[in-house]
Protein backbone atom coordinates (compact mmCIF):
# COMPACT_ATOMS: atom_id res chain seq x y z
CA MET A 1 25.83 54.59 5.33
CA LYS A 2 25.10 51.67 3.06
CA ASN A 3 21.49 50.70 2.18
CA THR A 4 20.80 47.01 2.60
CA ASP A 5 18.19 45.35 0.40
CA PHE A 6 16.02 43.07 2.53
CA THR A 7 13.72 42.07 -0.34
CA PRO A 8 15.19 38.54 -0.81
CA LEU A 9 14.98 37.92 2.93
CA ILE A 10 11.33 39.08 3.07
CA GLU A 11 10.46 36.96 0.01
CA ALA A 12 12.04 33.90 1.62
CA LEU A 13 10.17 34.56 4.85
CA ILE A 14 6.85 34.91 3.01
CA THR A 15 7.54 31.66 1.13
CA LEU A 16 8.32 29.87 4.40
CA ILE A 17 5.16 31.17 6.08
CA SER A 18 3.06 30.17 3.06
CA ALA A 19 4.53 26.67 3.13
CA VAL A 20 3.81 26.28 6.84
CA ILE A 21 0.21 27.44 6.36
CA THR A 22 -0.29 25.13 3.38
CA ILE A 23 1.22 22.08 5.08
CA PHE A 24 -0.06 22.43 8.64
CA VAL A 25 -2.92 24.89 8.95
CA LEU A 26 -5.07 24.34 5.85
CA PRO A 27 -5.52 20.56 6.25
CA LYS A 28 -6.65 20.99 9.86
CA LEU A 29 -8.98 23.81 8.89
CA ASN A 30 -10.40 21.73 6.05
CA LYS A 31 -10.98 18.77 8.37
CA TYR A 32 -12.62 21.02 10.95
CA LEU A 33 -14.97 22.52 8.37
CA ARG A 34 -15.94 19.10 6.99
CA GLU A 35 -16.71 17.82 10.49
CA ARG A 36 -18.64 20.98 11.33
CA LEU A 37 -20.75 20.77 8.19
CA SER A 38 -21.44 17.12 8.87
CA ALA A 39 -22.55 17.93 12.39
CA GLU A 40 -24.82 20.70 11.12
CA GLN A 41 -26.24 18.41 8.45
CA LEU A 42 -26.87 15.69 11.03
CA SER A 43 -28.57 18.20 13.29
CA ALA A 44 -30.80 19.34 10.42
CA LEU A 45 -31.62 15.71 9.56
CA LYS A 46 -32.60 15.04 13.18
CA GLU A 47 -34.95 18.02 13.11
CA TRP A 48 -36.58 16.81 9.88
CA VAL A 49 -36.94 13.30 11.33
CA LYS A 50 -38.59 14.77 14.42
CA ILE A 51 -41.09 16.62 12.22
CA ALA A 52 -41.71 13.54 10.07
CA VAL A 53 -42.33 11.29 13.07
CA ALA A 54 -44.66 13.81 14.71
CA ALA A 55 -46.60 14.20 11.46
CA ALA A 56 -46.86 10.44 11.00
CA GLU A 57 -48.10 10.05 14.56
CA GLN A 58 -50.69 12.77 14.06
CA LEU A 59 -51.90 11.43 10.71
CA TYR A 60 -51.78 7.70 11.43
CA GLY A 61 -52.31 7.56 15.19
CA SER A 62 -53.83 4.08 15.32
CA LYS A 63 -52.06 2.62 12.28
CA THR A 64 -49.13 0.25 12.48
CA GLY A 65 -45.61 1.40 13.10
CA GLN A 66 -44.57 0.26 9.64
CA GLN A 67 -47.11 2.58 7.97
CA LYS A 68 -45.90 5.48 10.08
CA LYS A 69 -42.29 4.71 9.24
CA GLU A 70 -43.08 4.54 5.53
CA TYR A 71 -44.79 7.92 5.79
CA ALA A 72 -41.81 9.42 7.64
CA VAL A 73 -39.34 8.11 5.04
CA SER A 74 -41.57 9.31 2.21
CA PHE A 75 -41.84 12.72 3.87
CA LEU A 76 -38.06 13.04 4.15
CA LEU A 77 -37.59 12.02 0.53
CA SER A 78 -40.21 14.56 -0.58
CA LYS A 79 -38.12 17.26 1.08
CA GLY A 80 -35.15 16.25 -1.07
CA ILE A 81 -33.23 14.82 1.86
CA VAL A 82 -30.79 12.14 0.73
CA PHE A 83 -29.85 9.75 3.48
CA ASP A 84 -28.53 6.38 4.52
CA VAL A 85 -31.54 4.13 5.23
CA ASP A 86 -29.99 2.51 8.31
CA GLU A 87 -29.06 5.87 9.82
CA VAL A 88 -32.53 7.32 9.23
CA THR A 89 -34.19 4.17 10.57
CA ALA A 90 -32.17 4.54 13.76
CA LEU A 91 -33.08 8.23 14.00
CA ILE A 92 -36.77 7.45 13.44
CA GLU A 93 -36.72 4.71 16.07
CA SER A 94 -34.98 7.07 18.48
CA GLU A 95 -37.59 9.77 17.91
CA VAL A 96 -40.45 7.27 18.32
CA TYR A 97 -38.88 6.13 21.59
CA LYS A 98 -38.76 9.74 22.81
CA LEU A 99 -42.40 10.31 21.86
CA THR A 100 -43.48 7.09 23.58
CA LYS A 101 -41.57 8.04 26.70
CA GLU A 102 -43.14 11.53 26.74
CA LYS A 103 -46.64 9.99 26.53
CA GLN A 104 -45.91 7.81 29.55
CA VAL A 105 -44.97 10.79 31.71
């Protein structure tokens, strides 16, 4: 009985599988991870905004909205949170709206 060497066939198969993983799987995995991290970062930012707005409301209850907003932004910056001003302004306004709505209930 003759022994057949399957090493070249196995090497070719491993190369093919590696190419498929590199071309198709890794880019999708990379995209998924980037989106997931972004979602987690956004969630964390929303939590910090919620804390900042609540603190501003507690500290400056009767002051103007602008003073409260400045405090909230300053608070976020003091925590080392880097953000897009428009995005954070929208998040702050959203949180203020929620607080106002809760007070009415």
